[in-house]
Protein backbone atom coordinates (compact mmCIF):
# COMPACT_ATOMS: atom_id res chain seq x y z
CA MET A 1 33.99 0.87 26.17
CA PRO A 2 35.05 -1.51 23.47
CA PHE A 3 32.73 -3.48 21.46
CA PHE A 4 34.51 -5.17 18.55
CA GLY A 5 32.41 -6.63 15.87
CA GLU A 6 28.53 -7.88 16.00
CA VAL A 7 26.31 -9.87 17.65
CA PHE A 8 22.72 -10.73 17.69
CA SER A 9 20.13 -9.79 20.77
CA SER A 10 19.21 -13.50 21.26
CA GLU A 11 23.06 -14.11 22.39
CA ILE A 12 22.94 -11.32 24.80
CA ILE A 13 19.71 -11.83 26.38
CA LYS A 14 20.16 -14.19 29.79
CA LYS A 15 23.70 -13.68 29.40
CA PRO A 16 25.16 -13.26 32.64
CA VAL A 17 26.86 -9.71 33.60
CA LEU A 18 29.82 -9.45 35.43
CA ASP A 19 31.06 -6.81 37.75
CA PRO A 20 34.50 -5.57 38.33
CA LYS A 21 35.75 -8.43 40.65
CA GLY A 22 34.24 -11.33 37.81
CA GLU A 23 31.56 -11.94 40.21
CA ASP A 24 27.90 -12.80 38.97
CA LEU A 25 26.11 -9.16 38.69
CA GLY A 26 22.81 -10.70 37.24
CA ARG A 27 21.46 -11.83 33.69
CA VAL A 28 20.64 -9.54 30.80
CA LYS A 29 16.84 -9.35 30.81
CA ASP A 30 16.24 -6.62 28.12
CA MET A 31 17.89 -3.77 26.24
CA VAL A 32 16.98 -0.52 25.92
CA ILE A 33 17.20 1.40 22.77
CA ILE A 34 17.21 4.83 21.71
CA LYS A 35 17.33 7.16 18.42
CA GLY A 36 20.77 7.88 17.61
CA ASP A 37 22.74 8.99 14.43
CA PRO A 38 22.73 7.32 12.07
CA LEU A 39 21.00 4.05 13.38
CA PRO A 40 19.67 3.47 16.81
CA MET A 41 21.31 2.17 19.55
CA VAL A 42 21.48 0.48 22.90
CA SER A 43 21.23 3.13 25.91
CA ALA A 44 20.83 0.63 28.62
CA LEU A 45 20.70 -3.20 29.53
CA ILE A 46 17.99 -4.55 31.90
CA ILE A 47 19.86 -6.58 34.51
CA GLU A 48 17.78 -9.30 36.64
CA ARG A 49 19.06 -10.08 39.85
CA LYS A 50 17.17 -11.63 42.68
CA LYS A 51 14.23 -11.77 40.96
CA LYS A 52 14.21 -7.65 40.87
CA LEU A 53 15.11 -5.30 37.79
CA LEU A 54 18.12 -3.28 37.70
CA ARG A 55 19.54 -0.10 34.85
CA LEU A 56 23.04 -0.76 34.10
CA PRO A 57 23.55 2.19 31.42
CA TRP A 58 25.59 1.66 28.73
CA HIS A 59 28.73 3.88 29.89
CA LYS A 60 29.01 1.79 33.16
CA LEU A 61 29.84 -1.07 30.98
CA ASN A 62 33.47 -2.48 30.65
CA ILE A 63 33.31 -5.12 27.97
CA PHE A 64 30.24 -6.08 25.52
CA ASN A 65 30.49 -9.01 23.32
CA LYS A 66 29.24 -12.47 22.54
CA LYS A 67 31.76 -13.74 25.02
CA ILE A 68 31.76 -11.65 27.91
CA ILE A 69 29.38 -8.61 29.27
CA SER A 70 31.52 -6.90 32.16
CA SER A 71 30.50 -3.75 34.25
CA LYS A 72 32.56 -1.14 35.74
CA VAL A 73 30.14 -0.86 38.68
CA TYR A 74 28.78 -3.25 41.45
CA ALA A 75 25.23 -4.08 41.85
CA GLU A 76 24.78 -1.48 44.88
CA SER A 77 25.31 1.31 42.24
CA LEU A 78 22.80 0.57 39.90
CA PRO A 79 19.58 1.95 40.34
CA PRO A 80 15.92 -0.06 40.03
CA TYR A 81 14.03 -0.57 37.02
CA GLU A 82 10.43 -0.16 36.59
CA LEU A 83 8.96 -1.36 33.11
CA ASP A 84 8.27 1.70 31.19
CA GLU A 85 6.13 1.52 28.49
CA ASN A 86 7.58 4.78 27.13
CA ASP A 87 10.88 3.15 27.00
CA LEU A 88 11.61 1.12 23.93
CA LEU A 89 12.96 -2.35 24.40
CA ILE A 90 14.09 -4.98 21.96
CA LEU A 91 13.07 -8.26 23.58
CA ARG A 92 9.52 -6.72 24.63
CA ASP A 93 8.91 -4.26 21.74
CA ILE A 94 10.55 -5.50 18.59
CA LEU A 95 11.21 -9.44 18.57
CA ASP A 96 8.59 -11.31 17.42
CA LYS A 97 6.69 -7.95 16.04
CA GLN A 98 5.60 -7.89 12.71
CA ILE A 99 6.92 -5.66 10.15
CA VAL A 100 6.98 -4.51 6.63
CA ASP A 101 9.39 -5.24 4.32
CA ALA A 102 9.06 -2.82 1.51
CA ASN A 103 11.55 -4.04 -0.91
CA GLY A 104 9.54 -7.62 -0.25
CA ALA A 105 6.28 -6.25 -0.21
CA LYS A 106 5.36 -8.42 2.36
CA VAL A 107 4.53 -8.68 6.41
CA VAL A 108 7.55 -10.50 7.94
CA ARG A 109 8.56 -11.21 12.07
CA VAL A 110 11.32 -10.37 13.46
CA ASN A 111 13.24 -13.55 15.19
CA ASP A 112 16.55 -11.64 15.81
CA VAL A 113 18.03 -8.17 15.81
CA LYS A 114 21.74 -7.37 14.47
CA LEU A 115 23.87 -5.01 16.64
CA GLU A 116 27.23 -3.85 15.66
CA GLY A 117 30.05 -1.62 17.11
CA PHE A 118 30.13 1.79 15.83
CA ASN A 119 31.92 4.57 17.87
CA GLY A 120 31.84 2.69 20.44
CA GLU A 121 28.31 2.04 20.85
CA ALA A 122 26.06 -1.04 20.18
CA VAL A 123 23.45 0.39 17.15
CA LEU A 124 20.89 -1.64 15.53
CA LEU A 125 21.83 -2.66 12.38
CA ALA A 126 19.45 -4.94 10.92
CA VAL A 127 16.66 -7.42 12.05
CA ASP A 128 16.69 -11.41 11.04
CA VAL A 129 13.44 -12.46 9.84
CA GLY A 130 14.46 -15.88 8.54
CA MET A 131 14.89 -19.16 9.75
CA ARG A 132 18.19 -18.62 11.57
CA GLY A 133 16.78 -16.27 13.69
CA ILE A 134 14.78 -18.77 14.98
CA LEU A 135 17.25 -21.65 15.47
CA ARG A 136 20.04 -19.42 17.15
CA ARG A 137 17.27 -18.46 19.55
CA LEU A 138 16.43 -22.18 20.05
CA GLY A 139 20.35 -22.50 20.26
CA ILE A 140 20.76 -24.98 17.78
CA GLU A 141 21.67 -22.73 14.84
CA ARG A 142 25.49 -24.38 14.45
CA GLY A 143 24.46 -27.22 14.58
CA SER A 144 21.66 -27.08 12.33
CA GLU A 145 24.17 -25.48 9.94
CA GLU A 146 26.79 -28.68 10.39
CA PHE A 147 23.95 -31.03 9.38
CA LEU A 148 22.79 -29.32 6.05
CA GLY A 149 26.52 -28.97 5.35
CA PHE A 150 26.69 -33.00 5.52
CA LEU A 151 23.67 -32.73 3.33
CA LYS A 152 25.27 -30.30 1.15
CA ALA A 153 22.55 -28.06 1.99
CA SER A 154 22.67 -24.23 3.26
CA LEU A 155 20.82 -22.45 5.64
CA PRO A 156 20.09 -19.27 4.09
CA THR A 157 20.71 -15.81 6.01
CA ASN A 158 18.14 -13.66 5.69
CA LEU A 159 18.65 -10.27 7.27
CA ILE A 160 17.10 -6.86 6.46
CA SER A 161 18.64 -3.78 6.74
CA TRP A 162 17.10 -1.25 9.50
CA ASN A 163 16.90 1.33 7.22
CA TYR A 164 14.64 -0.64 5.00
CA ILE A 165 11.36 -1.93 6.88
CA GLN A 166 8.88 0.04 8.51
CA PRO A 167 7.57 -1.21 12.08
CA LEU A 168 3.61 -1.04 12.05
CA ARG A 169 3.23 -0.09 15.66
CA PRO A 170 3.11 3.81 16.29
CA LYS A 171 5.69 3.19 19.30
CA LEU A 172 8.21 1.84 16.73
CA SER A 173 7.66 4.75 14.08
CA ALA A 174 8.04 7.19 17.35
CA ILE A 175 12.01 6.48 17.42
CA ALA A 176 11.84 7.08 13.18
CA LEU A 177 12.33 3.49 12.15
CA THR A 178 10.66 4.37 8.82
CA VAL A 179 10.42 3.62 5.60
CA PRO A 180 10.15 7.13 3.62
CA ARG A 181 6.47 7.19 2.29
CA GLN A 182 7.51 7.43 -1.15
CA MET A 183 8.73 3.95 -1.03
CA LEU A 184 5.65 2.51 0.11
CA SER A 185 3.73 4.47 -2.41
CA GLU A 186 6.08 2.50 -5.10
CA LEU A 187 4.56 -0.66 -4.37
CA HIS A 188 1.71 -2.28 -6.74
CA PRO A 189 -1.59 -1.10 -4.72
CA ALA A 190 -2.37 -5.10 -4.54
CA ASP A 191 0.82 -5.75 -2.66
CA ILE A 192 -0.10 -2.76 -0.30
CA ALA A 193 -3.68 -4.62 0.69
CA ASP A 194 -1.68 -7.90 1.03
CA ILE A 195 0.60 -6.08 3.76
CA ILE A 196 -2.42 -4.56 5.33
CA SER A 197 -4.57 -7.25 5.27
CA GLN A 198 -1.86 -10.03 6.96
CA VAL A 199 -2.08 -7.53 10.42
CA SER A 200 -4.26 -6.78 12.62
CA ARG A 201 -6.58 -4.24 11.89
CA GLU A 202 -5.53 -1.01 14.02
CA GLU A 203 -2.18 -1.50 12.55
CA GLY A 204 -3.53 -1.76 9.10
CA ALA A 205 -5.57 1.51 9.54
CA HIS A 206 -2.31 3.12 11.03
CA LEU A 207 -0.23 2.10 7.64
CA PHE A 208 -3.35 2.92 5.29
CA LYS A 209 -3.53 6.38 7.09
CA ASN A 210 0.17 7.37 5.88
CA LEU A 211 -0.46 6.68 2.30
CA ASP A 212 -0.83 9.68 0.52
CA ILE A 213 -4.12 10.37 -1.40
CA GLU A 214 -3.24 9.00 -4.73
CA THR A 215 -1.69 5.71 -3.28
CA ALA A 216 -4.91 5.16 -0.62
CA ALA A 217 -7.02 5.70 -3.43
CA GLU A 218 -5.57 3.03 -5.68
CA THR A 219 -5.10 0.87 -2.43
CA LEU A 220 -8.62 0.83 -0.77
CA PRO A 221 -10.32 -0.94 -3.45
CA GLU A 222 -8.19 -3.88 -3.00
CA LEU A 223 -9.17 -4.94 0.53
CA LYS A 224 -12.16 -6.84 2.09
CA THR A 225 -14.83 -5.15 1.76
CA GLU A 226 -15.57 -4.99 5.69
CA MET A 227 -11.95 -3.37 5.87
CA GLN A 228 -12.55 -0.49 3.42
CA ALA A 229 -15.88 0.84 5.34
CA ASP A 230 -13.73 0.20 8.66
CA ILE A 231 -11.19 2.24 7.22
CA ILE A 232 -13.23 5.27 5.95
CA ASN A 233 -15.60 5.41 8.59
CA ALA A 234 -13.00 5.85 11.41
CA MET A 235 -11.22 8.36 9.05
CA ASP A 236 -12.05 12.12 9.41
CA THR A 237 -14.17 13.24 6.52
CA ALA A 238 -12.21 15.47 4.50
CA LYS A 239 -9.60 13.10 4.09
CA ALA A 240 -12.07 10.39 3.13
CA ALA A 241 -13.82 12.40 0.88
CA ASP A 242 -9.98 13.47 -0.83
CA ILE A 243 -9.47 9.39 -1.35
CA ILE A 244 -13.18 9.19 -2.42
CA GLU A 245 -13.11 11.92 -5.14
CA GLU A 246 -9.88 10.53 -6.45
CA MET A 247 -11.42 6.84 -7.17
CA PRO A 248 -13.22 6.11 -10.27
CA PRO A 249 -16.64 6.42 -9.55
CA ASP A 250 -17.77 3.15 -9.92
CA GLU A 251 -15.26 2.32 -7.42
CA ALA A 252 -16.21 4.98 -4.60
CA ALA A 253 -20.18 4.22 -4.97
CA ASP A 254 -18.80 0.44 -3.99
CA ILE A 255 -17.07 1.79 -1.17
CA LEU A 256 -20.01 4.14 -0.08
CA SER A 257 -22.43 1.60 -0.54
CA ASP A 258 -21.04 -0.30 2.64
CA LEU A 259 -21.23 3.14 5.00
CA PRO A 260 -23.47 4.07 7.33
CA THR A 261 -26.09 6.39 6.21
CA GLU A 262 -24.93 9.66 7.59
CA LYS A 263 -21.13 8.84 6.93
CA ALA A 264 -21.53 8.40 2.95
CA LYS A 265 -23.54 11.79 3.36
CA GLU A 266 -21.20 13.52 4.89
CA ILE A 267 -18.34 12.56 2.18
CA LEU A 268 -21.01 13.18 -0.68
CA GLU A 269 -21.27 16.70 0.15
CA SER A 270 -17.44 17.39 0.60
CA ILE A 271 -16.42 16.08 -2.94
CA GLU A 272 -17.47 18.23 -5.83
CA LYS A 273 -20.77 18.03 -6.98
CA GLU A 274 -20.10 16.64 -10.23
CA ASP A 275 -18.66 14.19 -8.57
CA ALA A 276 -20.67 13.65 -6.26
CA GLU A 277 -23.64 13.58 -8.78
CA ASP A 278 -21.65 10.64 -10.76
CA ILE A 279 -21.53 8.67 -7.87
CA GLN A 280 -25.16 8.80 -6.70
CA GLU A 281 -26.17 7.68 -9.90
CA LEU A 282 -24.20 4.40 -9.79
CA LEU A 283 -25.69 4.09 -6.26
CA GLY A 284 -29.09 4.05 -7.44
CA HIS A 285 -28.63 0.58 -9.44
CA GLU A 286 -29.36 -2.93 -8.39
CA GLU A 287 -26.10 -5.29 -7.38
CA ASP A 288 -25.68 -8.36 -9.92
CA THR A 289 -26.80 -6.07 -13.06
CA ALA A 290 -25.09 -4.08 -15.64
CA GLY A 291 -25.91 -0.62 -13.74
CA GLY A 292 -24.20 -2.25 -11.01
CA LEU A 293 -21.08 -3.11 -12.62
CA MET A 294 -20.50 -0.14 -15.08
CA THR A 295 -18.70 3.48 -14.64
CA ASN A 296 -20.00 6.68 -16.10
CA ASP A 297 -16.63 7.73 -16.23
CA PHE A 298 -15.97 7.30 -20.50
CA ILE A 299 -15.02 9.60 -23.15
CA ALA A 300 -17.64 10.61 -25.57
CA TYR A 301 -17.59 13.34 -28.49
CA SER A 302 -19.80 14.67 -31.11
CA PRO A 303 -20.67 13.32 -34.47
CA ASP A 304 -19.30 16.09 -36.55
CA MET A 305 -15.98 16.54 -34.40
CA THR A 306 -12.89 16.23 -36.42
CA VAL A 307 -10.06 13.50 -35.34
CA GLN A 308 -7.74 16.19 -34.83
CA ASP A 309 -9.48 18.35 -32.30
CA ALA A 310 -10.99 14.80 -30.61
CA LEU A 311 -7.17 13.77 -30.30
CA LEU A 312 -6.77 17.57 -28.71
CA ARG A 313 -9.40 16.91 -26.28
CA PHE A 314 -8.61 13.44 -25.66
CA LYS A 315 -5.08 14.00 -24.32
CA ASP A 316 -6.28 16.46 -21.43
CA GLU A 317 -9.74 14.46 -20.69
CA ALA A 318 -8.24 10.64 -20.66
CA LYS A 319 -5.92 12.10 -17.59
CA GLU A 320 -8.84 11.96 -15.45
CA VAL A 321 -10.27 8.67 -16.96
CA GLU A 322 -9.15 4.89 -15.28
CA THR A 323 -9.66 3.05 -18.28
CA VAL A 324 -10.02 3.82 -22.09
CA TYR A 325 -10.58 1.62 -25.06
CA TYR A 326 -12.74 3.30 -27.07
CA ILE A 327 -14.02 6.52 -28.12
CA TYR A 328 -18.07 6.85 -27.68
CA VAL A 329 -19.75 9.27 -30.09
CA LEU A 330 -22.94 10.61 -28.71
CA ASP A 331 -25.35 13.34 -30.29
CA LYS A 332 -26.88 16.75 -28.66
CA GLU A 333 -29.05 14.61 -25.94
CA GLU A 334 -26.47 11.93 -25.25
CA LYS A 335 -27.89 9.23 -26.98
CA LEU A 336 -25.12 6.84 -28.54
CA ASN A 337 -24.56 7.09 -31.86
CA GLY A 338 -21.48 4.72 -32.76
CA VAL A 339 -18.26 3.83 -31.26
CA ILE A 340 -14.61 4.08 -32.42
CA SER A 341 -11.57 2.34 -31.00
CA LEU A 342 -8.66 4.30 -29.84
CA ARG A 343 -6.63 2.30 -32.53
CA GLU A 344 -8.79 3.32 -35.46
CA MET A 345 -8.75 6.83 -34.34
CA LEU A 346 -5.25 7.46 -33.66
CA LEU A 347 -4.39 5.97 -37.38
CA ALA A 348 -7.17 7.87 -39.09
CA GLU A 349 -6.29 11.08 -41.07
CA LYS A 350 -6.82 14.11 -38.96
CA ASP A 351 -9.61 15.50 -41.08
CA CYS A 352 -12.20 12.48 -40.70
CA ILE A 353 -15.05 13.18 -39.08
CA LEU A 354 -15.92 10.86 -36.27
CA GLY A 355 -19.60 10.47 -37.90
CA ASP A 356 -18.14 9.03 -41.00
CA MET A 357 -15.68 6.37 -39.39
CA MET A 358 -17.46 5.55 -36.25
CA GLU A 359 -18.81 1.64 -36.27
CA THR A 360 -22.57 2.05 -36.23
CA ASN A 361 -23.83 -2.08 -35.44
CA LEU A 362 -23.17 -1.14 -31.68
CA LYS A 363 -23.55 -4.15 -28.92
CA THR A 364 -25.06 -2.50 -25.88
CA VAL A 365 -26.99 -3.95 -22.55
CA ALA A 366 -29.45 -2.31 -20.80
CA PRO A 367 -28.80 -0.66 -17.46
CA GLY A 368 -31.16 -4.11 -15.19
CA GLU A 369 -29.13 -6.43 -17.31
CA ASP A 370 -27.76 -9.68 -15.02
CA GLU A 371 -24.25 -9.42 -15.19
CA MET A 372 -23.80 -12.91 -16.19
CA ALA A 373 -25.52 -11.93 -19.57
CA VAL A 374 -22.94 -8.76 -19.71
CA ALA A 375 -19.90 -11.47 -19.49
CA GLU A 376 -21.36 -13.37 -22.13
CA THR A 377 -21.97 -10.42 -24.54
CA ILE A 378 -18.12 -9.46 -23.60
CA SER A 379 -16.38 -12.99 -24.31
CA LYS A 380 -18.81 -13.69 -27.31
CA TYR A 381 -17.86 -10.67 -29.36
CA ASN A 382 -14.17 -10.27 -27.88
CA LEU A 383 -14.91 -6.65 -26.28
CA LEU A 384 -12.85 -4.29 -24.19
CA ALA A 385 -15.95 -2.42 -22.93
CA LEU A 386 -19.49 -2.49 -23.07
CA PRO A 387 -21.41 0.59 -23.40
CA VAL A 388 -24.78 0.44 -20.83
CA VAL A 389 -27.59 2.11 -23.26
CA ASP A 390 -31.30 2.38 -22.40
CA GLU A 391 -34.61 1.92 -23.97
CA SER A 392 -34.24 5.94 -24.99
CA GLY A 393 -30.80 5.02 -26.26
CA TYR A 394 -29.29 7.40 -23.93
CA MET A 395 -25.99 6.04 -22.97
CA HIS A 396 -25.48 5.94 -18.80
CA GLY A 397 -21.68 4.15 -18.91
CA ILE A 398 -19.34 1.09 -19.36
CA ILE A 399 -18.41 -2.43 -18.44
CA THR A 400 -15.12 -3.19 -18.66
CA VAL A 401 -13.08 -6.24 -19.11
CA ASP A 402 -11.46 -5.75 -16.23
CA ASP A 403 -14.98 -5.80 -14.59
CA ILE A 404 -15.91 -9.19 -16.15
CA ILE A 405 -13.20 -10.46 -14.95
CA GLY A 406 -13.27 -10.23 -11.40
CA ILE A 407 -16.55 -11.81 -11.69
CA LEU A 408 -15.23 -14.71 -13.71
CA VAL A 409 -12.53 -15.26 -10.99
CA PRO A 410 -13.04 -13.74 -7.89
CA THR A 411 -10.93 -12.75 -5.00
CA GLU A 412 -11.14 -11.72 -1.72
CA ALA A 413 -11.27 -8.46 -2.43
CA LYS A 414 -14.12 -8.32 -5.01
CA ARG A 415 -16.85 -6.10 -3.54
CA LYS A 416 -20.70 -6.82 -3.81
CA ARG A 417 -23.12 -4.19 -3.21
CA ARG A 418 -26.05 -3.52 -1.30
CA LYS A 419 -29.60 -3.42 -3.26
CA GLY A 420 -31.34 0.31 -2.58
């Protein structure tokens, strides 16, 4: 069946179809899409004739292009068509739907679909997500182009290849119109969170579900509070526990504090005991305090350790810690003795003893200190992290400059834990 060049779906929908005698057989109502190799292809046209729908199979077409569509058969030979949810239709299921542009890290809307001839078939080559697609559907693309040309401006083309889009609805993913998972994982977690936030909760949950554990753990804290809770609460406990276990303890505590008590308990019971204890300790502090801001994930060594031994341990332990600015020196009772900057330790002689080189004039805050007082201390002394120490000198955790930025420059994703 001859099909030359390219055509957009907007140039086909509502176009008349001629029978073998050149008489009007009906008008194109929609097109049925099936999975093809390498691209999805049109399997049939849905024809509207006298308010009834007929199915015109692709192999029954004689000519198909933007100028003329003709059939090899007459209307009497065409079977009736009833709308079927199992079919994938261009107009009903693809146009105006949201997709993820993984290259641009954003959600876009399909304004038109580009078809092209390939081995006698019409394959779906790309989607138009720009203004051209809208103007084309309105029938004013050429006029708009001429007008802009008069103004010495141009109408940009914004096509996304079918290979580089991620449909959000499960129905579309069934025909393998997906971006490889690793491509989505390569996006910054904040970009993934922006994408999820722009779509419905159902679509967002579907997209999040397809993330690998590590990416999911990095993306979850970037989402709005209520969405975080909805996603984890609806998730299988085992997978939710894997994600929570991958997160820094302070962020994990933030998530669990907003979950129903029973769900949070199930998750805590499913993760490693040490991680669960770290999270439960953080859950015991009130919001808007140093204890509510801190993380108990930090690196500390004994004062009698050499720099060489410390560096050897650091190479392994730092992999599991989110942020490392300082090395804290604790005695056997885990009381804070001093602090060493990472830079100082890297430049020191390997046989130096940590207790001899540590800074002992320490700036610390108590667990119950107000968060704004914490912010003032970090700002005043230009600190990258601030130890949280109780009256007995026991070190509970650290507050990083990133946590303070979250207070001073709040975003939609900033969390506030409930008291209790």
